Amino acid sequence: GIPKALMDELENMFAGGNTRLIMFFNPVVLSGETYACAHGQK
């Protein structure tokens, strides 16, 4: 349920330092980050 605009903004945090991200979700959609992480961007 997290919008793509925010996911893109989060990428700025990886520019420096020791940043880690963990995403919890239910596989309810066939598009977006929660689908890509297990498919095209696995």
Full PDB file with SEQRES, HELIX, SHEET, SSBOND, CRYST1, ORIGX, SCALE, CONECT and MASTER records, all heavy atoms in Angstrom:
SEQRES   1 A   42  GLY ILE PRO LYS ALA LEU MET ASP GLU LEU GLU ASN MET          
SEQRES   2 A   42  PHE ALA GLY GLY ASN THR ARG LEU ILE MET PHE PHE ASN          
SEQRES   3 A   42  PRO VAL VAL LEU SER GLY GLU THR TYR ALA CYS ALA HIS          
SEQRES   4 A   42  GLY GLN LYS                                                  
HELIX    1 AA1 LYS A    4  LEU A   10  1                                   7    
HELIX    2 AA2 GLU A   11  ALA A   15  5                                   5    
HELIX    3 AA3 GLU A   33  ALA A   36  1                                   4    
CRYST1    1.000    1.000    1.000  90.00  90.00  90.00 P 1           1          
ORIGX1      1.000000  0.000000  0.000000        0.00000                         
ORIGX2      0.000000  1.000000  0.000000        0.00000                         
ORIGX3      0.000000  0.000000  1.000000        0.00000                         
SCALE1      1.000000  0.000000  0.000000        0.00000                         
SCALE2      0.000000  1.000000  0.000000        0.00000                         
SCALE3      0.000000  0.000000  1.000000        0.00000                         
ATOM      1  N   GLY A   1       0.798  -1.226   0.000  1.00  0.00           N  
ATOM      2  CA  GLY A   1       0.000   0.000   0.000  1.00  0.00           C  
ATOM      3  C   GLY A   1       0.825   1.267   0.000  1.00  0.00           C  
ATOM      4  O   GLY A   1       0.288   2.375   0.124  1.00  0.00           O  
ATOM      5  N   ILE A   2       2.130   1.149  -0.148  1.00  0.00           N  
ATOM      6  CA  ILE A   2       3.013   2.316  -0.124  1.00  0.00           C  
ATOM      7  C   ILE A   2       3.208   2.854  -1.539  1.00  0.00           C  
ATOM      8  O   ILE A   2       3.558   2.104  -2.453  1.00  0.00           O  
ATOM      9  CB  ILE A   2       4.363   1.954   0.518  1.00  0.00           C  
ATOM     10  CG1 ILE A   2       4.147   1.646   2.009  1.00  0.00           C  
ATOM     11  CG2 ILE A   2       5.379   3.075   0.346  1.00  0.00           C  
ATOM     12  CD1 ILE A   2       5.377   1.170   2.735  1.00  0.00           C  
ATOM     13  N   PRO A   3       2.957   4.153  -1.760  1.00  0.00           N  
ATOM     14  CA  PRO A   3       3.024   4.721  -3.116  1.00  0.00           C  
ATOM     15  C   PRO A   3       4.425   4.702  -3.712  1.00  0.00           C  
ATOM     16  O   PRO A   3       5.422   4.769  -2.989  1.00  0.00           O  
ATOM     17  CB  PRO A   3       2.529   6.157  -2.915  1.00  0.00           C  
ATOM     18  CG  PRO A   3       2.775   6.461  -1.472  1.00  0.00           C  
ATOM     19  CD  PRO A   3       2.588   5.161  -0.747  1.00  0.00           C  
ATOM     20  N   LYS A   4       4.476   4.608  -5.031  1.00  0.00           N  
ATOM     21  CA  LYS A   4       5.755   4.558  -5.741  1.00  0.00           C  
ATOM     22  C   LYS A   4       6.580   5.816  -5.491  1.00  0.00           C  
ATOM     23  O   LYS A   4       7.816   5.744  -5.393  1.00  0.00           O  
ATOM     24  CB  LYS A   4       5.516   4.393  -7.237  1.00  0.00           C  
ATOM     25  CG  LYS A   4       6.803   4.247  -8.047  1.00  0.00           C  
ATOM     26  CD  LYS A   4       6.530   4.107  -9.516  1.00  0.00           C  
ATOM     27  CE  LYS A   4       7.833   3.870 -10.286  1.00  0.00           C  
ATOM     28  NZ  LYS A   4       8.821   4.945 -10.085  1.00  0.00           N  
ATOM     29  N   ALA A   5       5.934   6.967  -5.368  1.00  0.00           N  
ATOM     30  CA  ALA A   5       6.670   8.214  -5.138  1.00  0.00           C  
ATOM     31  C   ALA A   5       7.497   8.135  -3.863  1.00  0.00           C  
ATOM     32  O   ALA A   5       8.624   8.625  -3.799  1.00  0.00           O  
ATOM     33  CB  ALA A   5       5.700   9.393  -5.069  1.00  0.00           C  
ATOM     34  N   LEU A   6       6.940   7.499  -2.843  1.00  0.00           N  
ATOM     35  CA  LEU A   6       7.679   7.375  -1.588  1.00  0.00           C  
ATOM     36  C   LEU A   6       8.804   6.351  -1.718  1.00  0.00           C  
ATOM     37  O   LEU A   6       9.898   6.549  -1.182  1.00  0.00           O  
ATOM     38  CB  LEU A   6       6.740   6.992  -0.449  1.00  0.00           C  
ATOM     39  CG  LEU A   6       7.431   7.034   0.919  1.00  0.00           C  
ATOM     40  CD1 LEU A   6       6.577   7.735   1.947  1.00  0.00           C  
ATOM     41  CD2 LEU A   6       7.761   5.627   1.405  1.00  0.00           C  
ATOM     42  N   MET A   7       8.544   5.262  -2.426  1.00  0.00           N  
ATOM     43  CA  MET A   7       9.599   4.269  -2.642  1.00  0.00           C  
ATOM     44  C   MET A   7      10.780   4.907  -3.363  1.00  0.00           C  
ATOM     45  O   MET A   7      11.942   4.643  -3.025  1.00  0.00           O  
ATOM     46  CB  MET A   7       9.050   3.103  -3.464  1.00  0.00           C  
ATOM     47  CG  MET A   7       7.964   2.291  -2.776  1.00  0.00           C  
ATOM     48  SD  MET A   7       8.516   1.452  -1.262  1.00  0.00           S  
ATOM     49  CE  MET A   7       9.738   0.315  -1.896  1.00  0.00           C  
ATOM     50  N   ASP A   8      10.493   5.766  -4.336  1.00  0.00           N  
ATOM     51  CA  ASP A   8      11.564   6.458  -5.057  1.00  0.00           C  
ATOM     52  C   ASP A   8      12.320   7.407  -4.131  1.00  0.00           C  
ATOM     53  O   ASP A   8      13.553   7.523  -4.203  1.00  0.00           O  
ATOM     54  CB  ASP A   8      10.979   7.242  -6.234  1.00  0.00           C  
ATOM     55  CG  ASP A   8      10.438   6.342  -7.331  1.00  0.00           C  
ATOM     56  OD1 ASP A   8      10.790   5.148  -7.344  1.00  0.00           O  
ATOM     57  OD2 ASP A   8       9.659   6.828  -8.170  1.00  0.00           O  
ATOM     58  N   GLU A   9      11.584   8.088  -3.247  1.00  0.00           N  
ATOM     59  CA  GLU A   9      12.208   9.023  -2.308  1.00  0.00           C  
ATOM     60  C   GLU A   9      13.116   8.289  -1.324  1.00  0.00           C  
ATOM     61  O   GLU A   9      14.168   8.795  -0.922  1.00  0.00           O  
ATOM     62  CB  GLU A   9      11.121   9.792  -1.551  1.00  0.00           C  
ATOM     63  CG  GLU A   9      11.628  10.983  -0.750  1.00  0.00           C  
ATOM     64  CD  GLU A   9      12.173  12.110  -1.611  1.00  0.00           C  
ATOM     65  OE1 GLU A   9      11.616  12.361  -2.698  1.00  0.00           O  
ATOM     66  OE2 GLU A   9      13.176  12.721  -1.200  1.00  0.00           O  
ATOM     67  N   LEU A  10      12.711   7.074  -0.940  1.00  0.00           N  
ATOM     68  CA  LEU A  10      13.522   6.284  -0.004  1.00  0.00           C  
ATOM     69  C   LEU A  10      14.894   5.944  -0.579  1.00  0.00           C  
ATOM     70  O   LEU A  10      15.850   5.753   0.174  1.00  0.00           O  
ATOM     71  CB  LEU A  10      12.787   4.991   0.363  1.00  0.00           C  
ATOM     72  CG  LEU A  10      11.627   5.116   1.352  1.00  0.00           C  
ATOM     73  CD1 LEU A  10      10.880   3.798   1.467  1.00  0.00           C  
ATOM     74  CD2 LEU A  10      12.128   5.544   2.726  1.00  0.00           C  
ATOM     75  N   GLU A  11      14.984   5.862  -1.892  1.00  0.00           N  
ATOM     76  CA  GLU A  11      16.263   5.519  -2.513  1.00  0.00           C  
ATOM     77  C   GLU A  11      17.346   6.540  -2.181  1.00  0.00           C  
ATOM     78  O   GLU A  11      18.533   6.221  -2.168  1.00  0.00           O  
ATOM     79  CB  GLU A  11      16.102   5.391  -4.030  1.00  0.00           C  
ATOM     80  CG  GLU A  11      15.377   4.124  -4.471  1.00  0.00           C  
ATOM     81  CD  GLU A  11      16.116   2.858  -4.073  1.00  0.00           C  
ATOM     82  OE1 GLU A  11      17.366   2.839  -4.167  1.00  0.00           O  
ATOM     83  OE2 GLU A  11      15.455   1.888  -3.666  1.00  0.00           O  
ATOM     84  N   ASN A  12      16.945   7.789  -1.895  1.00  0.00           N  
ATOM     85  CA  ASN A  12      17.928   8.813  -1.533  1.00  0.00           C  
ATOM     86  C   ASN A  12      18.686   8.461  -0.267  1.00  0.00           C  
ATOM     87  O   ASN A  12      19.827   8.887  -0.074  1.00  0.00           O  
ATOM     88  CB  ASN A  12      17.233  10.165  -1.350  1.00  0.00           C  
ATOM     89  CG  ASN A  12      16.665  10.712  -2.652  1.00  0.00           C  
ATOM     90  OD1 ASN A  12      17.180  10.426  -3.728  1.00  0.00           O  
ATOM     91  ND2 ASN A  12      15.597  11.492  -2.553  1.00  0.00           N  
ATOM     92  N   MET A  13      18.041   7.675   0.613  1.00  0.00           N  
ATOM     93  CA  MET A  13      18.685   7.310   1.872  1.00  0.00           C  
ATOM     94  C   MET A  13      19.888   6.401   1.656  1.00  0.00           C  
ATOM     95  O   MET A  13      20.772   6.302   2.517  1.00  0.00           O  
ATOM     96  CB  MET A  13      17.677   6.632   2.809  1.00  0.00           C  
ATOM     97  CG  MET A  13      16.529   7.521   3.244  1.00  0.00           C  
ATOM     98  SD  MET A  13      15.366   6.695   4.351  1.00  0.00           S  
ATOM     99  CE  MET A  13      16.401   6.413   5.798  1.00  0.00           C  
ATOM    100  N   PHE A  14      19.928   5.711   0.518  1.00  0.00           N  
ATOM    101  CA  PHE A  14      21.026   4.791   0.237  1.00  0.00           C  
ATOM    102  C   PHE A  14      22.249   5.500  -0.339  1.00  0.00           C  
ATOM    103  O   PHE A  14      23.267   4.864  -0.620  1.00  0.00           O  
ATOM    104  CB  PHE A  14      20.561   3.702  -0.739  1.00  0.00           C  
ATOM    105  CG  PHE A  14      19.650   2.692  -0.125  1.00  0.00           C  
ATOM    106  CD1 PHE A  14      18.276   2.860  -0.177  1.00  0.00           C  
ATOM    107  CD2 PHE A  14      20.154   1.572   0.518  1.00  0.00           C  
ATOM    108  CE1 PHE A  14      17.415   1.938   0.389  1.00  0.00           C  
ATOM    109  CE2 PHE A  14      19.311   0.644   1.093  1.00  0.00           C  
ATOM    110  CZ  PHE A  14      17.935   0.817   1.031  1.00  0.00           C  
ATOM    111  N   ALA A  15      22.152   6.814  -0.524  1.00  0.00           N  
ATOM    112  CA  ALA A  15      23.250   7.563  -1.127  1.00  0.00           C  
ATOM    113  C   ALA A  15      24.509   7.538  -0.258  1.00  0.00           C  
ATOM    114  O   ALA A  15      25.635   7.584  -0.769  1.00  0.00           O  
ATOM    115  CB  ALA A  15      22.822   9.006  -1.395  1.00  0.00           C  
ATOM    116  N   GLY A  16      24.343   7.477   1.036  1.00  0.00           N  
ATOM    117  CA  GLY A  16      25.493   7.461   1.933  1.00  0.00           C  
ATOM    118  C   GLY A  16      25.138   6.775   3.235  1.00  0.00           C  
ATOM    119  O   GLY A  16      23.976   6.625   3.583  1.00  0.00           O  
ATOM    120  N   GLY A  17      26.146   6.352   3.988  1.00  0.00           N  
ATOM    121  CA  GLY A  17      25.913   5.697   5.264  1.00  0.00           C  
ATOM    122  C   GLY A  17      25.519   4.242   5.109  1.00  0.00           C  
ATOM    123  O   GLY A  17      25.503   3.677   4.018  1.00  0.00           O  
ATOM    124  N   ASN A  18      25.181   3.628   6.223  1.00  0.00           N  
ATOM    125  CA  ASN A  18      24.803   2.216   6.266  1.00  0.00           C  
ATOM    126  C   ASN A  18      23.285   2.133   6.381  1.00  0.00           C  
ATOM    127  O   ASN A  18      22.738   2.004   7.472  1.00  0.00           O  
ATOM    128  CB  ASN A  18      25.475   1.524   7.455  1.00  0.00           C  
ATOM    129  CG  ASN A  18      25.034   0.080   7.603  1.00  0.00           C  
ATOM    130  OD1 ASN A  18      24.841  -0.625   6.631  1.00  0.00           O  
ATOM    131  ND2 ASN A  18      24.860  -0.350   8.856  1.00  0.00           N  
ATOM    132  N   THR A  19      22.596   2.232   5.256  1.00  0.00           N  
ATOM    133  CA  THR A  19      21.135   2.204   5.244  1.00  0.00           C  
ATOM    134  C   THR A  19      20.645   0.831   4.820  1.00  0.00           C  
ATOM    135  O   THR A  19      21.133   0.262   3.842  1.00  0.00           O  
ATOM    136  CB  THR A  19      20.568   3.267   4.283  1.00  0.00           C  
ATOM    137  OG1 THR A  19      20.967   4.561   4.736  1.00  0.00           O  
ATOM    138  CG2 THR A  19      19.055   3.203   4.237  1.00  0.00           C  
ATOM    139  N   ARG A  20      19.685   0.306   5.558  1.00  0.00           N  
ATOM    140  CA  ARG A  20      19.074  -0.977   5.235  1.00  0.00           C  
ATOM    141  C   ARG A  20      17.554  -0.814   5.194  1.00  0.00           C  
ATOM    142  O   ARG A  20      16.990   0.006   5.926  1.00  0.00           O  
ATOM    143  CB  ARG A  20      19.452  -2.043   6.276  1.00  0.00           C  
ATOM    144  CG  ARG A  20      20.948  -2.218   6.469  1.00  0.00           C  
ATOM    145  CD  ARG A  20      21.620  -2.699   5.184  1.00  0.00           C  
ATOM    146  NE  ARG A  20      23.066  -2.636   5.232  1.00  0.00           N  
ATOM    147  CZ  ARG A  20      23.854  -3.700   5.404  1.00  0.00           C  
ATOM    148  NH1 ARG A  20      23.318  -4.902   5.566  1.00  0.00           N  
ATOM    149  NH2 ARG A  20      25.154  -3.565   5.408  1.00  0.00           N  
ATOM    150  N   LEU A  21      16.909  -1.603   4.356  1.00  0.00           N  
ATOM    151  CA  LEU A  21      15.459  -1.524   4.204  1.00  0.00           C  
ATOM    152  C   LEU A  21      14.866  -2.926   4.267  1.00  0.00           C  
ATOM    153  O   LEU A  21      15.394  -3.859   3.639  1.00  0.00           O  
ATOM    154  CB  LEU A  21      15.104  -0.856   2.879  1.00  0.00           C  
ATOM    155  CG  LEU A  21      13.619  -0.593   2.585  1.00  0.00           C  
ATOM    156  CD1 LEU A  21      13.483   0.668   1.723  1.00  0.00           C  
ATOM    157  CD2 LEU A  21      12.972  -1.776   1.850  1.00  0.00           C  
ATOM    158  N   ILE A  22      13.786  -3.072   5.019  1.00  0.00           N  
ATOM    159  CA  ILE A  22      13.052  -4.331   5.049  1.00  0.00           C  
ATOM    160  C   ILE A  22      11.577  -4.020   4.828  1.00  0.00           C  
ATOM    161  O   ILE A  22      11.032  -3.095   5.433  1.00  0.00           O  
ATOM    162  CB  ILE A  22      13.280  -5.111   6.358  1.00  0.00           C  
ATOM    163  CG1 ILE A  22      12.616  -6.490   6.288  1.00  0.00           C  
ATOM    164  CG2 ILE A  22      12.816  -4.329   7.583  1.00  0.00           C  
ATOM    165  CD1 ILE A  22      13.106  -7.453   7.376  1.00  0.00           C  
ATOM    166  N   MET A  23      10.958  -4.748   3.927  1.00  0.00           N  
ATOM    167  CA  MET A  23       9.573  -4.478   3.525  1.00  0.00           C  
ATOM    168  C   MET A  23       8.699  -5.696   3.819  1.00  0.00           C  
ATOM    169  O   MET A  23       8.953  -6.795   3.323  1.00  0.00           O  
ATOM    170  CB  MET A  23       9.536  -4.138   2.031  1.00  0.00           C  
ATOM    171  CG  MET A  23       8.150  -3.891   1.470  1.00  0.00           C  
ATOM    172  SD  MET A  23       8.204  -3.239  -0.247  1.00  0.00           S  
ATOM    173  CE  MET A  23       8.976  -4.619  -1.128  1.00  0.00           C  
ATOM    174  N   PHE A  24       7.664  -5.493   4.649  1.00  0.00           N  
ATOM    175  CA  PHE A  24       6.696  -6.539   4.949  1.00  0.00           C  
ATOM    176  C   PHE A  24       5.452  -6.321   4.094  1.00  0.00           C  
ATOM    177  O   PHE A  24       4.965  -5.192   3.969  1.00  0.00           O  
ATOM    178  CB  PHE A  24       6.290  -6.497   6.424  1.00  0.00           C  
ATOM    179  CG  PHE A  24       7.430  -6.713   7.382  1.00  0.00           C  
ATOM    180  CD1 PHE A  24       7.798  -5.726   8.281  1.00  0.00           C  
ATOM    181  CD2 PHE A  24       8.134  -7.908   7.387  1.00  0.00           C  
ATOM    182  CE1 PHE A  24       8.839  -5.932   9.174  1.00  0.00           C  
ATOM    183  CE2 PHE A  24       9.183  -8.118   8.264  1.00  0.00           C  
ATOM    184  CZ  PHE A  24       9.539  -7.123   9.166  1.00  0.00           C  
ATOM    185  N   PHE A  25       4.904  -7.392   3.537  1.00  0.00           N  
ATOM    186  CA  PHE A  25       3.711  -7.216   2.710  1.00  0.00           C  
ATOM    187  C   PHE A  25       2.989  -8.533   2.481  1.00  0.00           C  
ATOM    188  O   PHE A  25       3.536  -9.621   2.703  1.00  0.00           O  
ATOM    189  CB  PHE A  25       4.087  -6.590   1.361  1.00  0.00           C  
ATOM    190  CG  PHE A  25       4.933  -7.470   0.473  1.00  0.00           C  
ATOM    191  CD1 PHE A  25       4.361  -8.237  -0.531  1.00  0.00           C  
ATOM    192  CD2 PHE A  25       6.318  -7.517   0.636  1.00  0.00           C  
ATOM    193  CE1 PHE A  25       5.138  -9.043  -1.348  1.00  0.00           C  
ATOM    194  CE2 PHE A  25       7.108  -8.309  -0.179  1.00  0.00           C  
ATOM    195  CZ  PHE A  25       6.510  -9.082  -1.180  1.00  0.00           C  
ATOM    196  N   ASN A  26       1.735  -8.400   2.042  1.00  0.00           N  
ATOM    197  CA  ASN A  26       0.964  -9.532   1.544  1.00  0.00           C  
ATOM    198  C   ASN A  26       0.963  -9.420   0.022  1.00  0.00           C  
ATOM    199  O   ASN A  26       0.805  -8.316  -0.508  1.00  0.00           O  
ATOM    200  CB  ASN A  26      -0.468  -9.500   2.075  1.00  0.00           C  
ATOM    201  CG  ASN A  26      -0.518  -9.595   3.587  1.00  0.00           C  
ATOM    202  OD1 ASN A  26      -0.762  -8.610   4.272  1.00  0.00           O  
ATOM    203  ND2 ASN A  26      -0.276 -10.775   4.113  1.00  0.00           N  
ATOM    204  N   PRO A  27       1.105 -10.515  -0.697  1.00  0.00           N  
ATOM    205  CA  PRO A  27       1.215 -10.457  -2.160  1.00  0.00           C  
ATOM    206  C   PRO A  27      -0.144 -10.267  -2.838  1.00  0.00           C  
ATOM    207  O   PRO A  27      -0.663 -11.169  -3.493  1.00  0.00           O  
ATOM    208  CB  PRO A  27       1.833 -11.816  -2.505  1.00  0.00           C  
ATOM    209  CG  PRO A  27       1.331 -12.732  -1.435  1.00  0.00           C  
ATOM    210  CD  PRO A  27       1.282 -11.900  -0.186  1.00  0.00           C  
ATOM    211  N   VAL A  28      -0.705  -9.077  -2.719  1.00  0.00           N  
ATOM    212  CA  VAL A  28      -2.062  -8.844  -3.206  1.00  0.00           C  
ATOM    213  C   VAL A  28      -2.126  -8.214  -4.594  1.00  0.00           C  
ATOM    214  O   VAL A  28      -3.195  -8.167  -5.191  1.00  0.00           O  
ATOM    215  CB  VAL A  28      -2.861  -7.961  -2.217  1.00  0.00           C  
ATOM    216  CG1 VAL A  28      -2.982  -8.630  -0.875  1.00  0.00           C  
ATOM    217  CG2 VAL A  28      -2.221  -6.588  -2.066  1.00  0.00           C  
ATOM    218  N   VAL A  29      -1.012  -7.714  -5.110  1.00  0.00           N  
ATOM    219  CA  VAL A  29      -1.043  -7.033  -6.411  1.00  0.00           C  
ATOM    220  C   VAL A  29      -0.001  -7.623  -7.360  1.00  0.00           C  
ATOM    221  O   VAL A  29       1.000  -8.190  -6.931  1.00  0.00           O  
ATOM    222  CB  VAL A  29      -0.803  -5.513  -6.258  1.00  0.00           C  
ATOM    223  CG1 VAL A  29      -1.977  -4.863  -5.525  1.00  0.00           C  
ATOM    224  CG2 VAL A  29       0.497  -5.230  -5.512  1.00  0.00           C  
ATOM    225  N   LEU A  30      -0.251  -7.448  -8.635  1.00  0.00           N  
ATOM    226  CA  LEU A  30       0.636  -7.974  -9.676  1.00  0.00           C  
ATOM    227  C   LEU A  30       1.431  -6.866 -10.346  1.00  0.00           C  
ATOM    228  O   LEU A  30       1.775  -6.953 -11.523  1.00  0.00           O  
ATOM    229  CB  LEU A  30      -0.191  -8.739 -10.721  1.00  0.00           C  
ATOM    230  CG  LEU A  30      -0.984  -9.935 -10.185  1.00  0.00           C  
ATOM    231  CD1 LEU A  30      -1.782 -10.576 -11.304  1.00  0.00           C  
ATOM    232  CD2 LEU A  30      -0.060 -10.952  -9.535  1.00  0.00           C  
ATOM    233  N   SER A  31       1.723  -5.823  -9.595  1.00  0.00           N  
ATOM    234  CA  SER A  31       2.520  -4.705 -10.112  1.00  0.00           C  
ATOM    235  C   SER A  31       3.175  -4.004  -8.927  1.00  0.00           C  
ATOM    236  O   SER A  31       2.896  -4.321  -7.772  1.00  0.00           O  
ATOM    237  CB  SER A  31       1.636  -3.729 -10.886  1.00  0.00           C  
ATOM    238  OG  SER A  31       0.615  -3.212 -10.047  1.00  0.00           O  
ATOM    239  N   GLY A  32       4.040  -3.054  -9.226  1.00  0.00           N  
ATOM    240  CA  GLY A  32       4.685  -2.285  -8.164  1.00  0.00           C  
ATOM    241  C   GLY A  32       5.853  -3.008  -7.511  1.00  0.00           C  
ATOM    242  O   GLY A  32       6.266  -4.091  -7.938  1.00  0.00           O  
ATOM    243  N   GLU A  33       6.382  -2.395  -6.458  1.00  0.00           N  
ATOM    244  CA  GLU A  33       7.594  -2.889  -5.800  1.00  0.00           C  
ATOM    245  C   GLU A  33       7.417  -4.266  -5.180  1.00  0.00           C  
ATOM    246  O   GLU A  33       8.316  -5.101  -5.221  1.00  0.00           O  
ATOM    247  CB  GLU A  33       8.024  -1.888  -4.722  1.00  0.00           C  
ATOM    248  CG  GLU A  33       9.498  -1.961  -4.361  1.00  0.00           C  
ATOM    249  CD  GLU A  33      10.390  -1.279  -5.392  1.00  0.00           C  
ATOM    250  OE1 GLU A  33       9.972  -0.249  -5.945  1.00  0.00           O  
ATOM    251  OE2 GLU A  33      11.510  -1.769  -5.629  1.00  0.00           O  
ATOM    252  N   THR A  34       6.240  -4.523  -4.591  1.00  0.00           N  
ATOM    253  CA  THR A  34       6.036  -5.808  -3.914  1.00  0.00           C  
ATOM    254  C   THR A  34       5.909  -6.968  -4.899  1.00  0.00           C  
ATOM    255  O   THR A  34       6.038  -8.132  -4.491  1.00  0.00           O  
ATOM    256  CB  THR A  34       4.792  -5.770  -3.003  1.00  0.00           C  
ATOM    257  OG1 THR A  34       3.636  -5.423  -3.784  1.00  0.00           O  
ATOM    258  CG2 THR A  34       4.972  -4.765  -1.884  1.00  0.00           C  
ATOM    259  N   TYR A  35       5.641  -6.680  -6.145  1.00  0.00           N  
ATOM    260  CA  TYR A  35       5.636  -7.726  -7.175  1.00  0.00           C  
ATOM    261  C   TYR A  35       7.012  -7.833  -7.822  1.00  0.00           C  
ATOM    262  O   TYR A  35       7.536  -8.923  -8.029  1.00  0.00           O  
ATOM    263  CB  TYR A  35       4.580  -7.421  -8.237  1.00  0.00           C  
ATOM    264  CG  TYR A  35       4.429  -8.522  -9.270  1.00  0.00           C  
ATOM    265  CD1 TYR A  35       3.711  -9.674  -8.981  1.00  0.00           C  
ATOM    266  CD2 TYR A  35       5.016  -8.400 -10.531  1.00  0.00           C  
ATOM    267  CE1 TYR A  35       3.581 -10.691  -9.930  1.00  0.00           C  
ATOM    268  CE2 TYR A  35       4.892  -9.405 -11.483  1.00  0.00           C  
ATOM    269  CZ  TYR A  35       4.163 -10.547 -11.176  1.00  0.00           C  
ATOM    270  OH  TYR A  35       4.035 -11.545 -12.098  1.00  0.00           O  
ATOM    271  N   ALA A  36       7.611  -6.683  -8.096  1.00  0.00           N  
ATOM    272  CA  ALA A  36       8.917  -6.663  -8.759  1.00  0.00           C  
ATOM    273  C   ALA A  36      10.000  -7.334  -7.925  1.00  0.00           C  
ATOM    274  O   ALA A  36      10.896  -7.984  -8.468  1.00  0.00           O  
ATOM    275  CB  ALA A  36       9.317  -5.227  -9.069  1.00  0.00           C  
ATOM    276  N   CYS A  37       9.913  -7.202  -6.596  1.00  0.00           N  
ATOM    277  CA  CYS A  37      10.977  -7.744  -5.732  1.00  0.00           C  
ATOM    278  C   CYS A  37      11.080  -9.269  -5.823  1.00  0.00           C  
ATOM    279  O   CYS A  37      12.126  -9.837  -5.490  1.00  0.00           O  
ATOM    280  CB  CYS A  37      10.769  -7.304  -4.282  1.00  0.00           C  
ATOM    281  SG  CYS A  37       9.326  -8.039  -3.491  1.00  0.00           S  
ATOM    282  N   ALA A  38      10.008  -9.920  -6.242  1.00  0.00           N  
ATOM    283  CA  ALA A  38      10.026 -11.380  -6.371  1.00  0.00           C  
ATOM    284  C   ALA A  38      10.033 -11.835  -7.829  1.00  0.00           C  
ATOM    285  O   ALA A  38      10.020 -13.033  -8.100  1.00  0.00           O  
ATOM    286  CB  ALA A  38       8.821 -11.978  -5.655  1.00  0.00           C  
ATOM    287  N   HIS A  39      10.081 -10.861  -8.750  1.00  0.00           N  
ATOM    288  CA  HIS A  39      10.034 -11.200 -10.159  1.00  0.00           C  
ATOM    289  C   HIS A  39      11.134 -10.456 -10.935  1.00  0.00           C  
ATOM    290  O   HIS A  39      12.294 -10.849 -10.852  1.00  0.00           O  
ATOM    291  CB  HIS A  39       8.635 -10.895 -10.724  1.00  0.00           C  
ATOM    292  CG  HIS A  39       7.574 -11.759 -10.130  1.00  0.00           C  
ATOM    293  ND1 HIS A  39       6.909 -11.444  -8.951  1.00  0.00           N  
ATOM    294  CD2 HIS A  39       7.061 -12.944 -10.533  1.00  0.00           C  
ATOM    295  CE1 HIS A  39       6.042 -12.399  -8.660  1.00  0.00           C  
ATOM    296  NE2 HIS A  39       6.118 -13.316  -9.595  1.00  0.00           N  
ATOM    297  N   GLY A  40      10.807  -9.386 -11.622  1.00  0.00           N  
ATOM    298  CA  GLY A  40      11.781  -8.712 -12.475  1.00  0.00           C  
ATOM    299  C   GLY A  40      13.005  -8.161 -11.751  1.00  0.00           C  
ATOM    300  O   GLY A  40      14.089  -8.083 -12.318  1.00  0.00           O  
ATOM    301  N   GLN A  41      12.839  -7.754 -10.476  1.00  0.00           N  
ATOM    302  CA  GLN A  41      13.955  -7.200  -9.716  1.00  0.00           C  
ATOM    303  C   GLN A  41      14.392  -8.125  -8.572  1.00  0.00           C  
ATOM    304  O   GLN A  41      14.951  -7.686  -7.569  1.00  0.00           O  
ATOM    305  CB  GLN A  41      13.566  -5.831  -9.155  1.00  0.00           C  
ATOM    306  CG  GLN A  41      13.276  -4.798 -10.235  1.00  0.00           C  
ATOM    307  CD  GLN A  41      12.910  -3.438  -9.662  1.00  0.00           C  
ATOM    308  OE1 GLN A  41      13.015  -3.194  -8.467  1.00  0.00           O  
ATOM    309  NE2 GLN A  41      12.461  -2.541 -10.525  1.00  0.00           N  
ATOM    310  N   LYS A  42      14.136  -9.394  -8.738  1.00  0.00           N  
ATOM    311  CA  LYS A  42      14.433 -10.368  -7.682  1.00  0.00           C  
ATOM    312  C   LYS A  42      15.892 -10.353  -7.255  1.00  0.00           C  
ATOM    313  O   LYS A  42      16.220 -10.530  -6.077  1.00  0.00           O  
ATOM    314  CB  LYS A  42      14.044 -11.770  -8.173  1.00  0.00           C  
ATOM    315  CG  LYS A  42      14.142 -12.853  -7.107  1.00  0.00           C  
ATOM    316  CD  LYS A  42      13.623 -14.183  -7.645  1.00  0.00           C  
ATOM    317  CE  LYS A  42      13.695 -15.255  -6.565  1.00  0.00           C  
ATOM    318  NZ  LYS A  42      13.156 -16.554  -7.072  1.00  0.00           N  
TER     319      LYS A  42                                                      
MASTER        0    0    0    3    0    0    0    6  318    1    0    4          
END                                                                             
